[in-house]
Amino acid sequence: MNEHGDRETSHATPEGGGSGVALGPIETAKASDVLADRIRRSILDGTFEEGTVLPTERRLMEQTRLGRSTVREALRMLQAEGLVSSRPGRKGGTVVRRPDVQGIAQSLEVFIRGRRIRFWSLLEAREALEPGCASLAATNRTDADLEVLDALDARMNEPGIARADYFAANVGWHVAVARASHNELLTAYMVAISNVIEDALFAAQTDSEAVRPAVLLAHRKILEAIHASDPEAARRRMYRHMHAYREQAARLQPPAELPLSEGR
């Protein structure tokens, strides 16, 4: 009771006071991460243009007051991301690179294989993406794009073409359609997805002779729409081709584990 006769309520306070909510330990970022992020931002916002040679390790150490191992770790991170490369020689050093399609495709392919993405998920993604690529190709293609597509189509139609060469030309044709869209992100996705899918089907040791006529006919129809600058026909024909491809793959029973690409 207090002096007014009211009952007092006791509030237990955790040791050290406060409400009892634990905030947890505070962690600071590694110095190498901070340095890599600063350089990364400068590359991406254009402060460091492509081809710029970064300061030497010694100069970076002086500017940042960081140790050699920390500076080297930051540069290794940026090199792994494809943002810098090492150039040997008297005028060499660490050179700024802008991300390119091949670098993005390699990173995506590592993600696909490393995460054990289901083979059927890749086919679904391809069926969703390629019709859009074909539509954009019909709108944006150049004469040079058409020459590449025609040459790959002719290669696939060569009598007696070896199985490995046929698969390579097939992958190249689909990637060329994506490149003809002139959308770099779609191109990167298609490079990564096509490589993994074709590797899996090739590893299944399934003979494609029986289905080649249907594939070649589908390619010719799609190519005609791209030549004619008809985006809707290109989209529609590519979708039919991809849907048939997925049904064919179901019969071929490709391996559950996606194989590593070791060349053919």
C-alpha atoms as a PDB file:
ATOM      1  CA  MET A   1       0.000   0.000   0.000  1.00  0.00           C
ATOM      2  CA  ASN A   2       1.125   3.589  -0.549  1.00  0.00           C
ATOM      3  CA  GLU A   3       0.376   6.563   1.622  1.00  0.00           C
ATOM      4  CA  HIS A   4      -3.027   7.007  -0.068  1.00  0.00           C
ATOM      5  CA  GLY A   5      -4.080   3.428   0.676  1.00  0.00           C
ATOM      6  CA  ASP A   6      -3.753   2.276  -2.940  1.00  0.00           C
ATOM      7  CA  ARG A   7      -2.209  -1.064  -3.776  1.00  0.00           C
ATOM      8  CA  GLU A   8       1.182  -0.767  -5.390  1.00  0.00           C
ATOM      9  CA  THR A   9       1.967  -2.867  -8.463  1.00  0.00           C
ATOM     10  CA  SER A  10       5.414  -4.383  -8.612  1.00  0.00           C
ATOM     11  CA  HIS A  11       7.113  -4.287 -12.036  1.00  0.00           C
ATOM     12  CA  ALA A  12       9.976  -6.709 -12.277  1.00  0.00           C
ATOM     13  CA  THR A  13      12.818  -5.169 -14.245  1.00  0.00           C
ATOM     14  CA  PRO A  14      15.331  -7.413 -16.010  1.00  0.00           C
ATOM     15  CA  GLU A  15      18.853  -7.193 -14.809  1.00  0.00           C
ATOM     16  CA  GLY A  16      20.406  -4.068 -16.232  1.00  0.00           C
ATOM     17  CA  GLY A  17      17.043  -2.279 -16.688  1.00  0.00           C
ATOM     18  CA  GLY A  18      15.015  -1.779 -19.859  1.00  0.00           C
ATOM     19  CA  SER A  19      11.986  -3.597 -21.262  1.00  0.00           C
ATOM     20  CA  GLY A  20      13.629  -6.988 -21.616  1.00  0.00           C
ATOM     21  CA  VAL A  21      13.857  -6.755 -25.408  1.00  0.00           C
ATOM     22  CA  ALA A  22      17.223  -8.152 -26.537  1.00  0.00           C
ATOM     23  CA  LEU A  23      18.812  -6.076 -29.319  1.00  0.00           C
ATOM     24  CA  GLY A  24      21.533  -8.548 -30.108  1.00  0.00           C
ATOM     25  CA  PRO A  25      25.159  -7.915 -31.009  1.00  0.00           C
ATOM     26  CA  ILE A  26      26.101  -5.119 -33.393  1.00  0.00           C
ATOM     27  CA  GLU A  27      28.273  -6.150 -36.298  1.00  0.00           C
ATOM     28  CA  THR A  28      30.205  -3.776 -38.480  1.00  0.00           C
ATOM     29  CA  ALA A  29      30.856  -4.430 -42.168  1.00  0.00           C
ATOM     30  CA  LYS A  30      34.214  -5.831 -43.177  1.00  0.00           C
ATOM     31  CA  ALA A  31      36.554  -3.167 -44.461  1.00  0.00           C
ATOM     32  CA  SER A  32      37.053  -5.106 -47.702  1.00  0.00           C
ATOM     33  CA  ASP A  33      33.278  -5.127 -48.291  1.00  0.00           C
ATOM     34  CA  VAL A  34      33.121  -1.360 -47.732  1.00  0.00           C
ATOM     35  CA  LEU A  35      35.985  -0.699 -50.149  1.00  0.00           C
ATOM     36  CA  ALA A  36      34.538  -3.057 -52.779  1.00  0.00           C
ATOM     37  CA  ASP A  37      31.158  -1.336 -52.469  1.00  0.00           C
ATOM     38  CA  ARG A  38      32.700   2.133 -52.933  1.00  0.00           C
ATOM     39  CA  ILE A  39      34.554   1.069 -56.066  1.00  0.00           C
ATOM     40  CA  ARG A  40      31.517  -0.856 -57.343  1.00  0.00           C
ATOM     41  CA  ARG A  41      29.296   2.211 -56.999  1.00  0.00           C
ATOM     42  CA  SER A  42      31.855   4.354 -58.792  1.00  0.00           C
ATOM     43  CA  ILE A  43      31.944   1.874 -61.687  1.00  0.00           C
ATOM     44  CA  LEU A  44      28.182   1.524 -61.963  1.00  0.00           C
ATOM     45  CA  ASP A  45      27.467   5.266 -61.798  1.00  0.00           C
ATOM     46  CA  GLY A  46      30.113   5.989 -64.434  1.00  0.00           C
ATOM     47  CA  THR A  47      32.639   7.753 -62.218  1.00  0.00           C
ATOM     48  CA  PHE A  48      35.144   5.058 -63.226  1.00  0.00           C
ATOM     49  CA  GLU A  49      34.545   4.517 -66.935  1.00  0.00           C
ATOM     50  CA  GLU A  50      35.259   1.273 -68.738  1.00  0.00           C
ATOM     51  CA  GLY A  51      38.979   0.942 -69.447  1.00  0.00           C
ATOM     52  CA  THR A  52      39.983   3.119 -66.489  1.00  0.00           C
ATOM     53  CA  VAL A  53      43.005   1.769 -64.618  1.00  0.00           C
ATOM     54  CA  LEU A  54      42.349   1.845 -60.892  1.00  0.00           C
ATOM     55  CA  PRO A  55      44.995   3.151 -58.482  1.00  0.00           C
ATOM     56  CA  THR A  56      47.676   0.636 -57.596  1.00  0.00           C
ATOM     57  CA  GLU A  57      47.334  -1.481 -54.474  1.00  0.00           C
ATOM     58  CA  ARG A  58      49.881   0.738 -52.735  1.00  0.00           C
ATOM     59  CA  ARG A  59      47.977   3.884 -53.690  1.00  0.00           C
ATOM     60  CA  LEU A  60      44.679   2.382 -52.522  1.00  0.00           C
ATOM     61  CA  MET A  61      46.321   1.493 -49.226  1.00  0.00           C
ATOM     62  CA  GLU A  62      47.484   5.090 -48.821  1.00  0.00           C
ATOM     63  CA  GLN A  63      44.087   6.530 -49.745  1.00  0.00           C
ATOM     64  CA  THR A  64      42.022   4.220 -47.551  1.00  0.00           C
ATOM     65  CA  ARG A  65      44.528   3.444 -44.763  1.00  0.00           C
ATOM     66  CA  LEU A  66      43.705  -0.230 -45.189  1.00  0.00           C
ATOM     67  CA  GLY A  67      46.112  -3.133 -45.267  1.00  0.00           C
ATOM     68  CA  ARG A  68      47.316  -4.869 -48.404  1.00  0.00           C
ATOM     69  CA  SER A  69      45.304  -8.053 -47.739  1.00  0.00           C
ATOM     70  CA  THR A  70      42.089  -6.019 -47.300  1.00  0.00           C
ATOM     71  CA  VAL A  71      42.652  -4.114 -50.550  1.00  0.00           C
ATOM     72  CA  ARG A  72      43.426  -7.330 -52.423  1.00  0.00           C
ATOM     73  CA  GLU A  73      40.305  -9.025 -51.066  1.00  0.00           C
ATOM     74  CA  ALA A  74      38.140  -6.118 -52.258  1.00  0.00           C
ATOM     75  CA  LEU A  75      39.687  -6.267 -55.731  1.00  0.00           C
ATOM     76  CA  ARG A  76      39.209 -10.042 -55.874  1.00  0.00           C
ATOM     77  CA  MET A  77      35.512  -9.568 -55.103  1.00  0.00           C
ATOM     78  CA  LEU A  78      35.136  -7.058 -57.924  1.00  0.00           C
ATOM     79  CA  GLN A  79      37.019  -9.317 -60.324  1.00  0.00           C
ATOM     80  CA  ALA A  80      34.706 -12.225 -59.463  1.00  0.00           C
ATOM     81  CA  GLU A  81      31.758  -9.964 -60.289  1.00  0.00           C
ATOM     82  CA  GLY A  82      33.292  -9.132 -63.665  1.00  0.00           C
ATOM     83  CA  LEU A  83      33.665  -5.440 -62.848  1.00  0.00           C
ATOM     84  CA  VAL A  84      37.461  -5.338 -63.070  1.00  0.00           C
ATOM     85  CA  SER A  85      40.178  -7.403 -64.695  1.00  0.00           C
ATOM     86  CA  SER A  86      43.934  -7.641 -64.300  1.00  0.00           C
ATOM     87  CA  ARG A  87      46.041  -6.412 -67.211  1.00  0.00           C
ATOM     88  CA  PRO A  88      49.682  -7.498 -67.192  1.00  0.00           C
ATOM     89  CA  GLY A  89      52.595  -5.439 -68.378  1.00  0.00           C
ATOM     90  CA  ARG A  90      54.256  -2.127 -67.598  1.00  0.00           C
ATOM     91  CA  LYS A  91      51.049  -0.236 -68.370  1.00  0.00           C
ATOM     92  CA  GLY A  92      48.862  -2.860 -66.787  1.00  0.00           C
ATOM     93  CA  GLY A  93      47.008  -2.935 -63.512  1.00  0.00           C
ATOM     94  CA  THR A  94      43.408  -3.369 -62.419  1.00  0.00           C
ATOM     95  CA  VAL A  95      41.180  -2.233 -65.277  1.00  0.00           C
ATOM     96  CA  VAL A  96      37.501  -1.313 -64.997  1.00  0.00           C
ATOM     97  CA  ARG A  97      35.045  -3.401 -67.017  1.00  0.00           C
ATOM     98  CA  ARG A  98      31.378  -2.842 -67.575  1.00  0.00           C
ATOM     99  CA  PRO A  99      29.190  -5.917 -67.040  1.00  0.00           C
ATOM    100  CA  ASP A 100      28.555  -7.744 -70.313  1.00  0.00           C
ATOM    101  CA  VAL A 101      26.056 -10.353 -71.462  1.00  0.00           C
ATOM    102  CA  GLN A 102      28.517 -13.241 -71.177  1.00  0.00           C
ATOM    103  CA  GLY A 103      29.402 -12.354 -67.599  1.00  0.00           C
ATOM    104  CA  ILE A 104      25.753 -12.169 -66.583  1.00  0.00           C
ATOM    105  CA  ALA A 105      25.022 -15.445 -68.376  1.00  0.00           C
ATOM    106  CA  GLN A 106      27.894 -17.201 -66.601  1.00  0.00           C
ATOM    107  CA  SER A 107      26.688 -15.978 -63.215  1.00  0.00           C
ATOM    108  CA  LEU A 108      23.151 -17.115 -63.992  1.00  0.00           C
ATOM    109  CA  GLU A 109      24.366 -20.504 -65.186  1.00  0.00           C
ATOM    110  CA  VAL A 110      26.335 -20.958 -61.954  1.00  0.00           C
ATOM    111  CA  PHE A 111      23.157 -20.076 -60.031  1.00  0.00           C
ATOM    112  CA  ILE A 112      21.084 -22.572 -62.033  1.00  0.00           C
ATOM    113  CA  ARG A 113      23.529 -25.417 -61.546  1.00  0.00           C
ATOM    114  CA  GLY A 114      24.471 -24.522 -57.988  1.00  0.00           C
ATOM    115  CA  ARG A 115      20.858 -24.275 -56.831  1.00  0.00           C
ATOM    116  CA  ARG A 116      19.974 -27.513 -58.643  1.00  0.00           C
ATOM    117  CA  ILE A 117      17.146 -25.752 -60.448  1.00  0.00           C
ATOM    118  CA  ARG A 118      14.688 -28.341 -61.762  1.00  0.00           C
ATOM    119  CA  PHE A 119      15.089 -29.144 -65.435  1.00  0.00           C
ATOM    120  CA  TRP A 120      11.374 -28.575 -65.977  1.00  0.00           C
ATOM    121  CA  SER A 121      11.613 -25.133 -64.395  1.00  0.00           C
ATOM    122  CA  LEU A 122      14.146 -24.220 -67.071  1.00  0.00           C
ATOM    123  CA  LEU A 123      11.838 -25.445 -69.815  1.00  0.00           C
ATOM    124  CA  GLU A 124       8.976 -23.428 -68.321  1.00  0.00           C
ATOM    125  CA  ALA A 125      11.183 -20.323 -68.171  1.00  0.00           C
ATOM    126  CA  ARG A 126      12.257 -20.832 -71.759  1.00  0.00           C
ATOM    127  CA  GLU A 127       8.663 -21.268 -72.915  1.00  0.00           C
ATOM    128  CA  ALA A 128       7.813 -17.992 -71.169  1.00  0.00           C
ATOM    129  CA  LEU A 129      10.814 -16.028 -72.477  1.00  0.00           C
ATOM    130  CA  GLU A 130      11.477 -17.134 -76.049  1.00  0.00           C
ATOM    131  CA  PRO A 131       8.184 -16.024 -77.610  1.00  0.00           C
ATOM    132  CA  GLY A 132       8.917 -12.507 -76.334  1.00  0.00           C
ATOM    133  CA  CYS A 133      12.436 -12.694 -77.750  1.00  0.00           C
ATOM    134  CA  ALA A 134      11.073 -13.719 -81.143  1.00  0.00           C
ATOM    135  CA  SER A 135       8.534 -10.896 -81.106  1.00  0.00           C
ATOM    136  CA  LEU A 136      11.183  -8.307 -80.279  1.00  0.00           C
ATOM    137  CA  ALA A 137      13.519  -9.812 -82.877  1.00  0.00           C
ATOM    138  CA  ALA A 138      10.866  -9.308 -85.550  1.00  0.00           C
ATOM    139  CA  THR A 139      10.658  -5.657 -84.505  1.00  0.00           C
ATOM    140  CA  ASN A 140      14.304  -4.820 -83.812  1.00  0.00           C
ATOM    141  CA  ARG A 141      16.394  -7.153 -86.001  1.00  0.00           C
ATOM    142  CA  THR A 142      19.035  -5.778 -88.322  1.00  0.00           C
ATOM    143  CA  ASP A 143      20.292  -7.155 -91.629  1.00  0.00           C
ATOM    144  CA  ALA A 144      23.325  -8.476 -89.775  1.00  0.00           C
ATOM    145  CA  ASP A 145      21.062 -10.341 -87.338  1.00  0.00           C
ATOM    146  CA  LEU A 146      19.223 -11.952 -90.237  1.00  0.00           C
ATOM    147  CA  GLU A 147      22.489 -13.067 -91.819  1.00  0.00           C
ATOM    148  CA  VAL A 148      23.482 -14.839 -88.593  1.00  0.00           C
ATOM    149  CA  LEU A 149      20.089 -16.523 -88.237  1.00  0.00           C
ATOM    150  CA  ASP A 150      20.067 -17.622 -91.882  1.00  0.00           C
ATOM    151  CA  ALA A 151      23.589 -19.039 -91.609  1.00  0.00           C
ATOM    152  CA  LEU A 152      22.749 -21.055 -88.479  1.00  0.00           C
ATOM    153  CA  ASP A 153      19.535 -22.303 -90.085  1.00  0.00           C
ATOM    154  CA  ALA A 154      21.502 -23.432 -93.124  1.00  0.00           C
ATOM    155  CA  ARG A 155      24.035 -25.150 -90.853  1.00  0.00           C
ATOM    156  CA  MET A 156      21.305 -27.148 -89.117  1.00  0.00           C
ATOM    157  CA  ASN A 157      19.920 -28.201 -92.497  1.00  0.00           C
ATOM    158  CA  GLU A 158      23.238 -29.563 -93.778  1.00  0.00           C
ATOM    159  CA  PRO A 159      22.920 -33.240 -94.804  1.00  0.00           C
ATOM    160  CA  GLY A 160      24.839 -35.588 -92.537  1.00  0.00           C
ATOM    161  CA  ILE A 161      25.598 -32.941 -89.903  1.00  0.00           C
ATOM    162  CA  ALA A 162      27.074 -34.508 -86.769  1.00  0.00           C
ATOM    163  CA  ARG A 163      24.860 -34.669 -83.701  1.00  0.00           C
ATOM    164  CA  ALA A 164      27.111 -32.395 -81.646  1.00  0.00           C
ATOM    165  CA  ASP A 165      27.287 -29.830 -84.462  1.00  0.00           C
ATOM    166  CA  TYR A 166      23.509 -29.907 -84.851  1.00  0.00           C
ATOM    167  CA  PHE A 167      23.003 -29.274 -81.131  1.00  0.00           C
ATOM    168  CA  ALA A 168      25.528 -26.416 -81.185  1.00  0.00           C
ATOM    169  CA  ALA A 169      23.853 -24.795 -84.188  1.00  0.00           C
ATOM    170  CA  ASN A 170      20.437 -25.220 -82.541  1.00  0.00           C
ATOM    171  CA  VAL A 171      21.595 -23.474 -79.355  1.00  0.00           C
ATOM    172  CA  GLY A 172      23.277 -20.791 -81.450  1.00  0.00           C
ATOM    173  CA  TRP A 173      20.085 -20.164 -83.442  1.00  0.00           C
ATOM    174  CA  HIS A 174      17.939 -19.649 -80.350  1.00  0.00           C
ATOM    175  CA  VAL A 175      20.543 -17.371 -78.780  1.00  0.00           C
ATOM    176  CA  ALA A 176      20.770 -15.451 -82.075  1.00  0.00           C
ATOM    177  CA  VAL A 177      17.009 -14.848 -81.916  1.00  0.00           C
ATOM    178  CA  ALA A 178      17.476 -13.401 -78.420  1.00  0.00           C
ATOM    179  CA  ARG A 179      20.390 -11.249 -79.606  1.00  0.00           C
ATOM    180  CA  ALA A 180      18.255  -9.985 -82.477  1.00  0.00           C
ATOM    181  CA  SER A 181      15.798  -8.689 -79.878  1.00  0.00           C
ATOM    182  CA  HIS A 182      18.555  -6.267 -78.813  1.00  0.00           C
ATOM    183  CA  ASN A 183      17.519  -6.736 -75.200  1.00  0.00           C
ATOM    184  CA  GLU A 184      20.704  -7.575 -73.302  1.00  0.00           C
ATOM    185  CA  LEU A 185      18.941  -8.970 -70.234  1.00  0.00           C
ATOM    186  CA  LEU A 186      16.823 -11.387 -72.267  1.00  0.00           C
ATOM    187  CA  THR A 187      19.927 -12.394 -74.205  1.00  0.00           C
ATOM    188  CA  ALA A 188      21.819 -13.180 -70.990  1.00  0.00           C
ATOM    189  CA  TYR A 189      18.947 -15.302 -69.686  1.00  0.00           C
ATOM    190  CA  MET A 190      18.700 -17.194 -72.951  1.00  0.00           C
ATOM    191  CA  VAL A 191      22.439 -17.893 -73.177  1.00  0.00           C
ATOM    192  CA  ALA A 192      22.464 -19.435 -69.693  1.00  0.00           C
ATOM    193  CA  ILE A 193      19.191 -21.343 -69.984  1.00  0.00           C
ATOM    194  CA  SER A 194      19.852 -22.689 -73.487  1.00  0.00           C
ATOM    195  CA  ASN A 195      23.313 -23.971 -72.583  1.00  0.00           C
ATOM    196  CA  VAL A 196      22.046 -25.898 -69.568  1.00  0.00           C
ATOM    197  CA  ILE A 197      19.017 -27.345 -71.346  1.00  0.00           C
ATOM    198  CA  GLU A 198      20.969 -28.509 -74.374  1.00  0.00           C
ATOM    199  CA  ASP A 199      23.701 -30.019 -72.181  1.00  0.00           C
ATOM    200  CA  ALA A 200      21.060 -32.030 -70.316  1.00  0.00           C
ATOM    201  CA  LEU A 201      19.392 -33.298 -73.488  1.00  0.00           C
ATOM    202  CA  PHE A 202      22.744 -34.089 -75.110  1.00  0.00           C
ATOM    203  CA  ALA A 203      23.816 -36.037 -72.014  1.00  0.00           C
ATOM    204  CA  ALA A 204      20.607 -38.077 -72.228  1.00  0.00           C
ATOM    205  CA  GLN A 205      22.082 -39.713 -75.366  1.00  0.00           C
ATOM    206  CA  THR A 206      18.770 -39.426 -77.173  1.00  0.00           C
ATOM    207  CA  ASP A 207      18.698 -39.457 -80.953  1.00  0.00           C
ATOM    208  CA  SER A 208      17.207 -36.298 -82.424  1.00  0.00           C
ATOM    209  CA  GLU A 209      17.008 -37.552 -86.030  1.00  0.00           C
ATOM    210  CA  ALA A 210      13.294 -38.341 -85.762  1.00  0.00           C
ATOM    211  CA  VAL A 211      12.328 -34.871 -84.564  1.00  0.00           C
ATOM    212  CA  ARG A 212      14.726 -32.798 -86.652  1.00  0.00           C
ATOM    213  CA  PRO A 213      12.289 -32.236 -89.551  1.00  0.00           C
ATOM    214  CA  ALA A 214       9.715 -30.748 -87.160  1.00  0.00           C
ATOM    215  CA  VAL A 215      12.357 -28.562 -85.493  1.00  0.00           C
ATOM    216  CA  LEU A 216      13.719 -27.314 -88.813  1.00  0.00           C
ATOM    217  CA  LEU A 217      10.208 -26.541 -90.068  1.00  0.00           C
ATOM    218  CA  ALA A 218       9.405 -24.600 -86.875  1.00  0.00           C
ATOM    219  CA  HIS A 219      12.637 -22.610 -87.214  1.00  0.00           C
ATOM    220  CA  ARG A 220      11.879 -21.778 -90.831  1.00  0.00           C
ATOM    221  CA  LYS A 221       8.389 -20.507 -89.963  1.00  0.00           C
ATOM    222  CA  ILE A 222       9.713 -18.384 -87.088  1.00  0.00           C
ATOM    223  CA  LEU A 223      12.496 -17.039 -89.279  1.00  0.00           C
ATOM    224  CA  GLU A 224      10.000 -16.109 -91.998  1.00  0.00           C
ATOM    225  CA  ALA A 225       8.050 -14.045 -89.440  1.00  0.00           C
ATOM    226  CA  ILE A 226      11.232 -12.327 -88.251  1.00  0.00           C
ATOM    227  CA  HIS A 227      12.227 -11.561 -91.855  1.00  0.00           C
ATOM    228  CA  ALA A 228       8.743 -10.172 -92.463  1.00  0.00           C
ATOM    229  CA  SER A 229       8.896  -7.997 -89.320  1.00  0.00           C
ATOM    230  CA  ASP A 230       5.733  -9.688 -88.023  1.00  0.00           C
ATOM    231  CA  PRO A 231       6.073  -9.727 -84.201  1.00  0.00           C
ATOM    232  CA  GLU A 232       2.749 -11.441 -83.487  1.00  0.00           C
ATOM    233  CA  ALA A 233       3.406 -14.296 -85.903  1.00  0.00           C
ATOM    234  CA  ALA A 234       6.947 -14.672 -84.526  1.00  0.00           C
ATOM    235  CA  ARG A 235       5.620 -14.817 -80.961  1.00  0.00           C
ATOM    236  CA  ARG A 236       2.877 -17.305 -81.807  1.00  0.00           C
ATOM    237  CA  ARG A 237       5.145 -19.628 -83.801  1.00  0.00           C
ATOM    238  CA  MET A 238       7.901 -19.575 -81.189  1.00  0.00           C
ATOM    239  CA  TYR A 239       5.401 -20.419 -78.466  1.00  0.00           C
ATOM    240  CA  ARG A 240       4.162 -23.433 -80.432  1.00  0.00           C
ATOM    241  CA  HIS A 241       7.764 -24.511 -81.024  1.00  0.00           C
ATOM    242  CA  MET A 242       8.677 -24.221 -77.331  1.00  0.00           C
ATOM    243  CA  HIS A 243       5.542 -26.061 -76.221  1.00  0.00           C
ATOM    244  CA  ALA A 244       6.301 -28.906 -78.622  1.00  0.00           C
ATOM    245  CA  TYR A 245       9.910 -28.899 -77.409  1.00  0.00           C
ATOM    246  CA  ARG A 246       8.779 -29.356 -73.809  1.00  0.00           C
ATOM    247  CA  GLU A 247       6.532 -32.251 -74.788  1.00  0.00           C
ATOM    248  CA  GLN A 248       9.412 -33.822 -76.695  1.00  0.00           C
ATOM    249  CA  ALA A 249      11.751 -33.414 -73.717  1.00  0.00           C
ATOM    250  CA  ALA A 250       9.253 -35.247 -71.502  1.00  0.00           C
ATOM    251  CA  ARG A 251       9.589 -38.277 -73.774  1.00  0.00           C
ATOM    252  CA  LEU A 252      13.395 -38.071 -73.876  1.00  0.00           C
ATOM    253  CA  GLN A 253      13.680 -38.319 -70.073  1.00  0.00           C
ATOM    254  CA  PRO A 254      16.786 -36.129 -69.569  1.00  0.00           C
ATOM    255  CA  PRO A 255      18.934 -36.726 -66.462  1.00  0.00           C
ATOM    256  CA  ALA A 256      17.593 -35.389 -63.163  1.00  0.00           C
ATOM    257  CA  GLU A 257      21.015 -33.905 -62.318  1.00  0.00           C
ATOM    258  CA  LEU A 258      22.054 -31.159 -64.707  1.00  0.00           C
ATOM    259  CA  PRO A 259      25.511 -32.048 -66.058  1.00  0.00           C
ATOM    260  CA  LEU A 260      28.457 -29.694 -66.041  1.00  0.00           C
ATOM    261  CA  SER A 261      29.309 -28.353 -69.464  1.00  0.00           C
ATOM    262  CA  GLU A 262      32.559 -29.986 -70.563  1.00  0.00           C
ATOM    263  CA  GLY A 263      32.292 -29.441 -74.276  1.00  0.00           C
ATOM    264  CA  ARG A 264      31.201 -31.892 -76.923  1.00  0.00           C
END
